[in-house]
All heavy atoms as atom14 arrays in JSON, in Angstrom:
{
  "sequence": "REKKFRPIAMSVFASGAIAPREALEYVCSLKEIESIVFGASTR",
  "atom14_mask": [
    [1, 1, 1, 1, 1, 1, 1, 1, 1, 1, 1, 0, 0, 0],
    [1, 1, 1, 1, 1, 1, 1, 1, 1, 0, 0, 0, 0, 0],
    [1, 1, 1, 1, 1, 1, 1, 1, 1, 0, 0, 0, 0, 0],
    [1, 1, 1, 1, 1, 1, 1, 1, 1, 0, 0, 0, 0, 0],
    [1, 1, 1, 1, 1, 1, 1, 1, 1, 1, 1, 0, 0, 0],
    [1, 1, 1, 1, 1, 1, 1, 1, 1, 1, 1, 0, 0, 0],
    [1, 1, 1, 1, 1, 1, 1, 0, 0, 0, 0, 0, 0, 0],
    [1, 1, 1, 1, 1, 1, 1, 1, 0, 0, 0, 0, 0, 0],
    [1, 1, 1, 1, 1, 0, 0, 0, 0, 0, 0, 0, 0, 0],
    [1, 1, 1, 1, 1, 1, 1, 1, 0, 0, 0, 0, 0, 0],
    [1, 1, 1, 1, 1, 1, 0, 0, 0, 0, 0, 0, 0, 0],
    [1, 1, 1, 1, 1, 1, 1, 0, 0, 0, 0, 0, 0, 0],
    [1, 1, 1, 1, 1, 1, 1, 1, 1, 1, 1, 0, 0, 0],
    [1, 1, 1, 1, 1, 0, 0, 0, 0, 0, 0, 0, 0, 0],
    [1, 1, 1, 1, 1, 1, 0, 0, 0, 0, 0, 0, 0, 0],
    [1, 1, 1, 1, 0, 0, 0, 0, 0, 0, 0, 0, 0, 0],
    [1, 1, 1, 1, 1, 0, 0, 0, 0, 0, 0, 0, 0, 0],
    [1, 1, 1, 1, 1, 1, 1, 1, 0, 0, 0, 0, 0, 0],
    [1, 1, 1, 1, 1, 0, 0, 0, 0, 0, 0, 0, 0, 0],
    [1, 1, 1, 1, 1, 1, 1, 0, 0, 0, 0, 0, 0, 0],
    [1, 1, 1, 1, 1, 1, 1, 1, 1, 1, 1, 0, 0, 0],
    [1, 1, 1, 1, 1, 1, 1, 1, 1, 0, 0, 0, 0, 0],
    [1, 1, 1, 1, 1, 0, 0, 0, 0, 0, 0, 0, 0, 0],
    [1, 1, 1, 1, 1, 1, 1, 1, 0, 0, 0, 0, 0, 0],
    [1, 1, 1, 1, 1, 1, 1, 1, 1, 0, 0, 0, 0, 0],
    [1, 1, 1, 1, 1, 1, 1, 1, 1, 1, 1, 1, 0, 0],
    [1, 1, 1, 1, 1, 1, 1, 0, 0, 0, 0, 0, 0, 0],
    [1, 1, 1, 1, 1, 1, 0, 0, 0, 0, 0, 0, 0, 0],
    [1, 1, 1, 1, 1, 1, 0, 0, 0, 0, 0, 0, 0, 0],
    [1, 1, 1, 1, 1, 1, 1, 1, 0, 0, 0, 0, 0, 0],
    [1, 1, 1, 1, 1, 1, 1, 1, 1, 0, 0, 0, 0, 0],
    [1, 1, 1, 1, 1, 1, 1, 1, 1, 0, 0, 0, 0, 0],
    [1, 1, 1, 1, 1, 1, 1, 1, 0, 0, 0, 0, 0, 0],
    [1, 1, 1, 1, 1, 1, 1, 1, 1, 0, 0, 0, 0, 0],
    [1, 1, 1, 1, 1, 1, 0, 0, 0, 0, 0, 0, 0, 0],
    [1, 1, 1, 1, 1, 1, 1, 1, 0, 0, 0, 0, 0, 0],
    [1, 1, 1, 1, 1, 1, 1, 0, 0, 0, 0, 0, 0, 0],
    [1, 1, 1, 1, 1, 1, 1, 1, 1, 1, 1, 0, 0, 0],
    [1, 1, 1, 1, 0, 0, 0, 0, 0, 0, 0, 0, 0, 0],
    [1, 1, 1, 1, 1, 0, 0, 0, 0, 0, 0, 0, 0, 0],
    [1, 1, 1, 1, 1, 1, 0, 0, 0, 0, 0, 0, 0, 0],
    [1, 1, 1, 1, 1, 1, 1, 0, 0, 0, 0, 0, 0, 0],
    [1, 1, 1, 1, 1, 1, 1, 1, 1, 1, 1, 0, 0, 0]
  ],
  "atom14_positions": [
    [[52.58, -32.4, 7.91], [52.77, -32.07, 9.4], [54.12, -31.55, 9.68], [54.34, -30.61, 10.51], [52.62, -33.36, 10.2], [51.19, -33.87, 10.37], [51.07, -34.98, 11.42], [52.06, -36.02, 11.2], [51.95, -37.12, 10.42], [50.73, -37.31, 9.84], [52.85, -38.02, 10.35], [0.0, 0.0, 0.0], [0.0, 0.0, 0.0], [0.0, 0.0, 0.0]],
    [[55.19, -31.99, 8.97], [56.53, -31.73, 9.4], [57.31, -30.67, 8.54], [58.33, -30.15, 9.01], [57.36, -33.07, 9.41], [56.78, -34.09, 10.42], [57.48, -35.38, 10.31], [58.48, -35.58, 9.47], [57.06, -36.34, 11.13], [0.0, 0.0, 0.0], [0.0, 0.0, 0.0], [0.0, 0.0, 0.0], [0.0, 0.0, 0.0], [0.0, 0.0, 0.0]],
    [[56.83, -30.49, 7.32], [57.61, -29.55, 6.44], [56.98, -28.21, 6.42], [55.75, -28.06, 6.51], [57.74, -30.14, 5.05], [58.47, -31.46, 4.98], [59.91, -31.32, 5.13], [60.58, -32.7, 4.92], [62.05, -32.52, 4.94], [0.0, 0.0, 0.0], [0.0, 0.0, 0.0], [0.0, 0.0, 0.0], [0.0, 0.0, 0.0], [0.0, 0.0, 0.0]],
    [[57.74, -27.18, 6.24], [57.23, -25.81, 6.1], [57.07, -25.46, 4.63], [58.11, -25.23, 3.96], [58.21, -24.87, 6.87], [57.57, -23.37, 6.88], [58.5, -22.48, 7.77], [58.15, -21.12, 7.92], [57.01, -20.52, 7.44], [0.0, 0.0, 0.0], [0.0, 0.0, 0.0], [0.0, 0.0, 0.0], [0.0, 0.0, 0.0], [0.0, 0.0, 0.0]],
    [[55.82, -25.45, 4.17], [55.57, -25.07, 2.84], [54.06, -24.66, 2.75], [53.35, -24.89, 3.67], [55.91, -26.27, 1.86], [55.02, -27.45, 1.88], [54.15, -27.72, 0.86], [54.96, -28.35, 2.94], [53.22, -28.81, 0.89], [54.24, -29.43, 2.99], [53.34, -29.65, 2.0], [0.0, 0.0, 0.0], [0.0, 0.0, 0.0], [0.0, 0.0, 0.0]],
    [[53.73, -24.12, 1.61], [52.35, -23.71, 1.34], [51.68, -24.62, 0.43], [51.79, -24.52, -0.77], [52.27, -22.26, 0.91], [52.73, -21.35, 2.05], [53.07, -19.9, 1.58], [54.37, -19.87, 0.85], [54.77, -18.92, 0.05], [54.02, -17.81, -0.11], [55.92, -18.99, -0.51], [0.0, 0.0, 0.0], [0.0, 0.0, 0.0], [0.0, 0.0, 0.0]],
    [[50.94, -25.7, 0.93], [50.38, -26.68, 0.06], [49.1, -26.29, -0.66], [48.12, -25.67, -0.08], [50.13, -27.88, 1.02], [49.96, -27.19, 2.37], [50.77, -25.97, 2.32], [0.0, 0.0, 0.0], [0.0, 0.0, 0.0], [0.0, 0.0, 0.0], [0.0, 0.0, 0.0], [0.0, 0.0, 0.0], [0.0, 0.0, 0.0], [0.0, 0.0, 0.0]],
    [[48.99, -26.7, -1.9], [47.77, -26.56, -2.69], [47.45, -27.96, -3.15], [48.3, -28.68, -3.76], [48.02, -25.69, -3.94], [48.39, -24.25, -3.56], [46.73, -25.75, -4.83], [48.86, -23.4, -4.7], [0.0, 0.0, 0.0], [0.0, 0.0, 0.0], [0.0, 0.0, 0.0], [0.0, 0.0, 0.0], [0.0, 0.0, 0.0], [0.0, 0.0, 0.0]],
    [[46.26, -28.45, -2.79], [45.85, -29.85, -3.12], [45.11, -29.82, -4.5], [44.31, -29.03, -4.78], [44.87, -30.34, -2.06], [0.0, 0.0, 0.0], [0.0, 0.0, 0.0], [0.0, 0.0, 0.0], [0.0, 0.0, 0.0], [0.0, 0.0, 0.0], [0.0, 0.0, 0.0], [0.0, 0.0, 0.0], [0.0, 0.0, 0.0], [0.0, 0.0, 0.0]],
    [[45.59, -30.79, -5.27], [44.85, -31.06, -6.6], [44.54, -32.5, -6.73], [44.93, -33.33, -5.87], [45.63, -30.6, -7.81], [46.92, -31.34, -8.08], [47.73, -30.73, -9.54], [49.07, -32.0, -9.73], [0.0, 0.0, 0.0], [0.0, 0.0, 0.0], [0.0, 0.0, 0.0], [0.0, 0.0, 0.0], [0.0, 0.0, 0.0], [0.0, 0.0, 0.0]],
    [[43.72, -32.9, -7.67], [43.32, -34.29, -7.9], [42.68, -34.83, -6.58], [42.84, -36.06, -6.23], [44.45, -35.2, -8.34], [44.89, -34.87, -9.64], [0.0, 0.0, 0.0], [0.0, 0.0, 0.0], [0.0, 0.0, 0.0], [0.0, 0.0, 0.0], [0.0, 0.0, 0.0], [0.0, 0.0, 0.0], [0.0, 0.0, 0.0], [0.0, 0.0, 0.0]],
    [[41.95, -33.96, -5.87], [41.35, -34.37, -4.58], [40.23, -35.42, -4.84], [39.96, -36.24, -3.91], [40.8, -33.21, -3.8], [41.91, -32.21, -3.44], [39.67, -32.45, -4.58], [0.0, 0.0, 0.0], [0.0, 0.0, 0.0], [0.0, 0.0, 0.0], [0.0, 0.0, 0.0], [0.0, 0.0, 0.0], [0.0, 0.0, 0.0], [0.0, 0.0, 0.0]],
    [[39.67, -35.5, -6.0], [38.6, -36.5, -6.29], [39.21, -37.74, -6.94], [38.45, -38.67, -7.24], [37.5, -35.89, -7.25], [36.9, -34.64, -6.72], [36.9, -33.45, -7.44], [36.21, -34.65, -5.47], [36.34, -32.26, -6.92], [35.56, -33.51, -4.92], [35.59, -32.31, -5.67], [0.0, 0.0, 0.0], [0.0, 0.0, 0.0], [0.0, 0.0, 0.0]],
    [[40.51, -37.76, -7.15], [41.17, -38.91, -7.72], [40.58, -39.28, -9.05], [40.2, -40.47, -9.3], [41.27, -40.12, -6.73], [0.0, 0.0, 0.0], [0.0, 0.0, 0.0], [0.0, 0.0, 0.0], [0.0, 0.0, 0.0], [0.0, 0.0, 0.0], [0.0, 0.0, 0.0], [0.0, 0.0, 0.0], [0.0, 0.0, 0.0], [0.0, 0.0, 0.0]],
    [[40.35, -38.29, -9.95], [39.76, -38.54, -11.25], [38.44, -39.23, -11.22], [38.07, -40.02, -11.93], [40.67, -39.24, -12.2], [41.77, -38.43, -12.58], [0.0, 0.0, 0.0], [0.0, 0.0, 0.0], [0.0, 0.0, 0.0], [0.0, 0.0, 0.0], [0.0, 0.0, 0.0], [0.0, 0.0, 0.0], [0.0, 0.0, 0.0], [0.0, 0.0, 0.0]],
    [[37.58, -38.85, -10.12], [36.28, -39.4, -10.01], [36.16, -40.69, -9.28], [35.13, -41.24, -9.05], [0.0, 0.0, 0.0], [0.0, 0.0, 0.0], [0.0, 0.0, 0.0], [0.0, 0.0, 0.0], [0.0, 0.0, 0.0], [0.0, 0.0, 0.0], [0.0, 0.0, 0.0], [0.0, 0.0, 0.0], [0.0, 0.0, 0.0], [0.0, 0.0, 0.0]],
    [[37.29, -41.2, -8.69], [37.28, -42.44, -7.94], [36.71, -42.27, -6.53], [36.39, -43.26, -5.89], [38.72, -43.06, -7.87], [0.0, 0.0, 0.0], [0.0, 0.0, 0.0], [0.0, 0.0, 0.0], [0.0, 0.0, 0.0], [0.0, 0.0, 0.0], [0.0, 0.0, 0.0], [0.0, 0.0, 0.0], [0.0, 0.0, 0.0], [0.0, 0.0, 0.0]],
    [[36.72, -41.04, -6.04], [36.14, -40.76, -4.67], [34.99, -39.8, -4.85], [35.11, -38.81, -5.51], [37.26, -40.06, -3.8], [38.58, -40.84, -3.87], [36.8, -39.95, -2.35], [39.75, -40.14, -3.17], [0.0, 0.0, 0.0], [0.0, 0.0, 0.0], [0.0, 0.0, 0.0], [0.0, 0.0, 0.0], [0.0, 0.0, 0.0], [0.0, 0.0, 0.0]],
    [[33.92, -40.13, -4.09], [32.75, -39.27, -4.08], [33.1, -37.89, -3.53], [33.94, -37.74, -2.73], [31.65, -39.89, -3.37], [0.0, 0.0, 0.0], [0.0, 0.0, 0.0], [0.0, 0.0, 0.0], [0.0, 0.0, 0.0], [0.0, 0.0, 0.0], [0.0, 0.0, 0.0], [0.0, 0.0, 0.0], [0.0, 0.0, 0.0], [0.0, 0.0, 0.0]],
    [[32.47, -36.83, -4.13], [32.85, -35.46, -3.72], [32.9, -35.19, -2.26], [33.88, -34.69, -1.74], [31.8, -34.64, -4.42], [31.5, -35.39, -5.7], [31.53, -36.83, -5.22], [0.0, 0.0, 0.0], [0.0, 0.0, 0.0], [0.0, 0.0, 0.0], [0.0, 0.0, 0.0], [0.0, 0.0, 0.0], [0.0, 0.0, 0.0], [0.0, 0.0, 0.0]],
    [[31.84, -35.54, -1.53], [31.83, -35.25, -0.06], [32.9, -35.99, 0.68], [33.59, -35.45, 1.42], [30.45, -35.62, 0.61], [30.41, -35.38, 2.08], [29.09, -35.49, 2.7], [28.29, -34.26, 2.6], [28.46, -33.13, 3.26], [29.47, -33.1, 4.18], [27.76, -32.13, 3.15], [0.0, 0.0, 0.0], [0.0, 0.0, 0.0], [0.0, 0.0, 0.0]],
    [[33.09, -37.25, 0.32], [34.08, -38.06, 1.01], [35.5, -37.55, 0.7], [36.36, -37.37, 1.59], [34.02, -39.57, 0.47], [35.01, -40.45, 1.07], [34.91, -41.86, 0.53], [34.05, -42.15, -0.34], [35.79, -42.7, 0.9], [0.0, 0.0, 0.0], [0.0, 0.0, 0.0], [0.0, 0.0, 0.0], [0.0, 0.0, 0.0], [0.0, 0.0, 0.0]],
    [[35.71, -37.17, -0.6], [37.04, -36.65, -1.0], [37.38, -35.31, -0.23], [38.43, -35.09, 0.28], [37.02, -36.37, -2.49], [0.0, 0.0, 0.0], [0.0, 0.0, 0.0], [0.0, 0.0, 0.0], [0.0, 0.0, 0.0], [0.0, 0.0, 0.0], [0.0, 0.0, 0.0], [0.0, 0.0, 0.0], [0.0, 0.0, 0.0], [0.0, 0.0, 0.0]],
    [[36.36, -34.45, -0.17], [36.56, -33.13, 0.43], [36.59, -33.22, 1.91], [37.34, -32.44, 2.58], [35.5, -32.16, -0.02], [35.62, -31.83, -1.49], [34.33, -30.99, -1.97], [36.83, -31.08, -1.81], [0.0, 0.0, 0.0], [0.0, 0.0, 0.0], [0.0, 0.0, 0.0], [0.0, 0.0, 0.0], [0.0, 0.0, 0.0], [0.0, 0.0, 0.0]],
    [[35.91, -34.15, 2.6], [36.02, -34.39, 4.0], [37.47, -34.72, 4.35], [38.01, -34.22, 5.32], [35.08, -35.53, 4.53], [33.68, -35.01, 4.58], [32.62, -36.13, 4.92], [33.06, -37.34, 4.91], [31.5, -35.79, 5.24], [0.0, 0.0, 0.0], [0.0, 0.0, 0.0], [0.0, 0.0, 0.0], [0.0, 0.0, 0.0], [0.0, 0.0, 0.0]],
    [[37.99, -35.58, 3.61], [39.45, -35.94, 3.83], [40.4, -34.76, 3.64], [41.14, -34.41, 4.63], [39.92, -37.09, 2.92], [41.42, -37.35, 3.05], [41.94, -37.99, 4.12], [42.25, -36.94, 2.07], [43.27, -38.21, 4.31], [43.61, -37.15, 2.17], [44.16, -37.75, 3.32], [45.53, -37.88, 3.39], [0.0, 0.0, 0.0], [0.0, 0.0, 0.0]],
    [[40.3, -34.09, 2.53], [41.25, -32.99, 2.23], [41.06, -31.84, 3.25], [42.03, -31.26, 3.72], [41.14, -32.52, 0.74], [41.99, -31.27, 0.49], [41.51, -33.64, -0.17], [0.0, 0.0, 0.0], [0.0, 0.0, 0.0], [0.0, 0.0, 0.0], [0.0, 0.0, 0.0], [0.0, 0.0, 0.0], [0.0, 0.0, 0.0], [0.0, 0.0, 0.0]],
    [[39.79, -31.56, 3.52], [39.53, -30.43, 4.46], [39.98, -30.79, 5.88], [40.24, -29.94, 6.71], [38.11, -30.0, 4.46], [37.61, -29.22, 2.89], [0.0, 0.0, 0.0], [0.0, 0.0, 0.0], [0.0, 0.0, 0.0], [0.0, 0.0, 0.0], [0.0, 0.0, 0.0], [0.0, 0.0, 0.0], [0.0, 0.0, 0.0], [0.0, 0.0, 0.0]],
    [[40.12, -32.1, 6.19], [40.63, -32.49, 7.51], [42.08, -32.21, 7.72], [42.62, -32.17, 8.78], [40.28, -33.98, 7.8], [41.23, -34.75, 7.09], [0.0, 0.0, 0.0], [0.0, 0.0, 0.0], [0.0, 0.0, 0.0], [0.0, 0.0, 0.0], [0.0, 0.0, 0.0], [0.0, 0.0, 0.0], [0.0, 0.0, 0.0], [0.0, 0.0, 0.0]],
    [[42.77, -31.97, 6.58], [44.28, -31.71, 6.61], [44.41, -30.2, 6.78], [44.39, -29.47, 5.72], [44.91, -32.33, 5.3], [44.7, -33.73, 5.06], [45.15, -34.12, 3.7], [45.43, -34.55, 6.16], [0.0, 0.0, 0.0], [0.0, 0.0, 0.0], [0.0, 0.0, 0.0], [0.0, 0.0, 0.0], [0.0, 0.0, 0.0], [0.0, 0.0, 0.0]],
    [[44.47, -29.73, 7.96], [44.46, -28.29, 8.23], [45.61, -27.52, 7.6], [45.52, -26.26, 7.44], [44.49, -28.12, 9.74], [43.27, -28.69, 10.54], [41.98, -28.24, 9.94], [40.8, -28.87, 10.54], [39.6, -28.75, 9.87], [0.0, 0.0, 0.0], [0.0, 0.0, 0.0], [0.0, 0.0, 0.0], [0.0, 0.0, 0.0], [0.0, 0.0, 0.0]],
    [[46.71, -28.19, 7.2], [47.8, -27.47, 6.59], [47.55, -27.03, 5.19], [48.19, -26.2, 4.69], [49.08, -28.37, 6.61], [49.55, -28.81, 7.96], [48.83, -30.12, 8.47], [47.95, -30.59, 7.8], [49.1, -30.49, 9.63], [0.0, 0.0, 0.0], [0.0, 0.0, 0.0], [0.0, 0.0, 0.0], [0.0, 0.0, 0.0], [0.0, 0.0, 0.0]],
    [[46.64, -27.66, 4.51], [46.31, -27.28, 3.14], [45.68, -25.91, 3.03], [44.69, -25.57, 3.75], [45.43, -28.36, 2.48], [46.18, -29.63, 2.38], [44.89, -27.91, 1.12], [45.39, -30.81, 1.82], [0.0, 0.0, 0.0], [0.0, 0.0, 0.0], [0.0, 0.0, 0.0], [0.0, 0.0, 0.0], [0.0, 0.0, 0.0], [0.0, 0.0, 0.0]],
    [[46.28, -25.06, 2.25], [45.83, -23.67, 2.1], [44.88, -23.44, 1.01], [44.02, -22.55, 1.08], [47.06, -22.78, 1.83], [48.05, -22.79, 3.04], [49.15, -21.73, 2.95], [49.18, -20.98, 1.99], [49.88, -21.67, 3.9], [0.0, 0.0, 0.0], [0.0, 0.0, 0.0], [0.0, 0.0, 0.0], [0.0, 0.0, 0.0], [0.0, 0.0, 0.0]],
    [[44.95, -24.27, -0.03], [44.07, -24.11, -1.26], [43.78, -25.47, -1.89], [44.49, -26.41, -1.7], [44.75, -23.24, -2.28], [45.1, -21.98, -1.79], [0.0, 0.0, 0.0], [0.0, 0.0, 0.0], [0.0, 0.0, 0.0], [0.0, 0.0, 0.0], [0.0, 0.0, 0.0], [0.0, 0.0, 0.0], [0.0, 0.0, 0.0], [0.0, 0.0, 0.0]],
    [[42.68, -25.5, -2.56], [42.22, -26.65, -3.28], [41.96, -26.3, -4.73], [41.17, -25.36, -5.0], [40.99, -27.36, -2.63], [41.28, -27.71, -1.23], [40.56, -28.49, -3.42], [40.07, -28.14, -0.36], [0.0, 0.0, 0.0], [0.0, 0.0, 0.0], [0.0, 0.0, 0.0], [0.0, 0.0, 0.0], [0.0, 0.0, 0.0], [0.0, 0.0, 0.0]],
    [[42.54, -27.02, -5.66], [42.26, -26.91, -7.05], [41.39, -28.01, -7.46], [41.62, -29.17, -7.13], [43.55, -26.98, -7.89], [43.24, -26.95, -9.37], [44.49, -25.89, -7.54], [0.0, 0.0, 0.0], [0.0, 0.0, 0.0], [0.0, 0.0, 0.0], [0.0, 0.0, 0.0], [0.0, 0.0, 0.0], [0.0, 0.0, 0.0], [0.0, 0.0, 0.0]],
    [[40.3, -27.73, -8.16], [39.35, -28.77, -8.54], [38.74, -28.42, -9.99], [38.7, -27.31, -10.34], [38.17, -29.04, -7.54], [37.27, -27.83, -7.36], [36.18, -27.65, -8.19], [37.59, -26.88, -6.38], [35.32, -26.62, -7.96], [36.74, -25.79, -6.17], [35.63, -25.63, -7.05], [0.0, 0.0, 0.0], [0.0, 0.0, 0.0], [0.0, 0.0, 0.0]],
    [[38.37, -29.45, -10.61], [37.76, -29.32, -11.89], [36.26, -29.42, -11.76], [35.77, -30.18, -10.89], [0.0, 0.0, 0.0], [0.0, 0.0, 0.0], [0.0, 0.0, 0.0], [0.0, 0.0, 0.0], [0.0, 0.0, 0.0], [0.0, 0.0, 0.0], [0.0, 0.0, 0.0], [0.0, 0.0, 0.0], [0.0, 0.0, 0.0], [0.0, 0.0, 0.0]],
    [[35.5, -28.77, -12.61], [34.06, -28.75, -12.6], [33.5, -28.51, -14.06], [34.13, -27.79, -14.79], [33.46, -27.74, -11.6], [0.0, 0.0, 0.0], [0.0, 0.0, 0.0], [0.0, 0.0, 0.0], [0.0, 0.0, 0.0], [0.0, 0.0, 0.0], [0.0, 0.0, 0.0], [0.0, 0.0, 0.0], [0.0, 0.0, 0.0], [0.0, 0.0, 0.0]],
    [[32.41, -29.17, -14.33], [31.84, -29.06, -15.68], [30.79, -27.96, -15.83], [30.46, -27.59, -17.0], [31.37, -30.41, -16.18], [30.35, -30.87, -15.27], [0.0, 0.0, 0.0], [0.0, 0.0, 0.0], [0.0, 0.0, 0.0], [0.0, 0.0, 0.0], [0.0, 0.0, 0.0], [0.0, 0.0, 0.0], [0.0, 0.0, 0.0], [0.0, 0.0, 0.0]],
    [[30.25, -27.56, -14.7], [29.21, -26.52, -14.79], [29.38, -25.51, -13.68], [30.05, -25.69, -12.71], [27.74, -27.12, -14.7], [27.62, -27.67, -13.32], [27.51, -28.31, -15.65], [0.0, 0.0, 0.0], [0.0, 0.0, 0.0], [0.0, 0.0, 0.0], [0.0, 0.0, 0.0], [0.0, 0.0, 0.0], [0.0, 0.0, 0.0], [0.0, 0.0, 0.0]],
    [[28.69, -24.37, -13.91], [28.65, -23.33, -12.85], [28.08, -23.91, -11.51], [28.61, -23.62, -10.44], [27.86, -22.16, -13.34], [27.71, -21.01, -12.38], [26.94, -19.85, -12.99], [27.05, -18.66, -12.28], [28.02, -17.73, -12.58], [28.84, -17.88, -13.56], [28.08, -16.61, -11.82], [0.0, 0.0, 0.0], [0.0, 0.0, 0.0], [0.0, 0.0, 0.0]]
  ]
}
């Protein structure tokens, strides 16, 4: 909220500790985040 920077979120799923929808609902609610890095095992 307070700093001027271009944030990229990673570890949004907390290594599998958070279900995908719940994890992404939280991260996507943070309007300042410009990009999200995530891992996936299949197309």
